[in-house]
């Protein structure tokens, strides 16, 4: 997670790419050697939504 945050912040500051939008998301995931399609698909699952809800209650 720390690697992703660093990558997205660098792109935000250096390239003026909004941190929570494309192309920053996919480019940052690729930079840290993660497959954007896989990560984003996993993030859209009900399990991910449930885990987020539990972690933030």
Protein backbone atom coordinates (compact mmCIF):
# COMPACT_ATOMS: atom_id res chain seq x y z
CA UNK A 1 0.00 0.00 0.00
CA UNK A 2 2.83 2.39 0.86
CA UNK A 3 4.36 1.88 -2.60
CA UNK A 4 1.04 2.70 -4.26
CA UNK A 5 0.53 5.85 -2.19
CA UNK A 6 4.03 7.04 -3.07
CA UNK A 7 3.50 6.37 -6.78
CA UNK A 8 0.12 8.10 -6.94
CA UNK A 9 1.39 11.14 -5.02
CA UNK A 10 4.42 11.47 -7.32
CA UNK A 11 2.13 11.42 -10.37
CA UNK A 12 -0.21 13.92 -8.75
CA UNK A 13 2.60 16.37 -7.96
CA UNK A 14 4.84 15.83 -11.01
CA UNK A 15 2.18 15.32 -13.68
CA UNK A 16 -0.83 17.09 -12.14
CA UNK A 17 -2.82 13.83 -12.41
CA UNK A 18 -5.68 13.65 -9.91
CA UNK A 19 -4.74 10.99 -7.35
CA UNK A 20 -8.05 9.12 -7.39
CA UNK A 21 -8.67 9.17 -11.13
CA UNK A 22 -7.35 7.68 -14.33
CA UNK A 23 -4.72 7.69 -15.69
CA UNK A 24 -3.08 8.02 -12.26
CA UNK A 25 -4.65 4.88 -10.77
CA UNK A 26 -3.62 2.48 -13.54
CA UNK A 27 -0.21 4.05 -14.07
CA UNK A 28 0.57 3.94 -10.34
CA UNK A 29 -0.50 0.30 -10.09
CA UNK A 30 1.65 -0.57 -13.10
CA UNK A 31 4.60 1.30 -11.56
CA UNK A 32 4.44 -0.92 -8.47
CA UNK A 33 4.15 -4.01 -10.67
CA UNK A 34 0.46 -4.74 -10.12
CA UNK A 35 -1.98 -5.51 -12.94
CA UNK A 36 -4.52 -2.65 -12.95
CA UNK A 37 -7.39 -4.73 -14.39
CA UNK A 38 -6.99 -7.39 -11.70
CA UNK A 39 -6.68 -4.92 -8.82
CA UNK A 40 -9.61 -2.81 -9.97
CA UNK A 41 -11.78 -5.88 -10.53
CA UNK A 42 -10.99 -7.11 -7.01
CA UNK A 43 -11.77 -3.66 -5.59
CA UNK A 44 -15.24 -3.74 -7.16
CA UNK A 45 -16.32 -6.99 -5.47
CA UNK A 46 -18.83 -7.28 -2.68
CA UNK A 47 -16.11 -8.81 -0.49
CA UNK A 48 -14.01 -5.66 -0.88
CA UNK A 49 -17.03 -3.48 -0.06
CA UNK A 50 -17.78 -5.57 3.02
CA UNK A 51 -14.15 -5.44 4.21
CA UNK A 52 -14.06 -1.66 3.74
CA UNK A 53 -17.30 -1.30 5.69
CA UNK A 54 -15.96 -3.45 8.53
CA UNK A 55 -12.65 -1.58 8.63
CA UNK A 56 -14.31 1.83 8.75
CA UNK A 57 -17.17 1.18 11.17
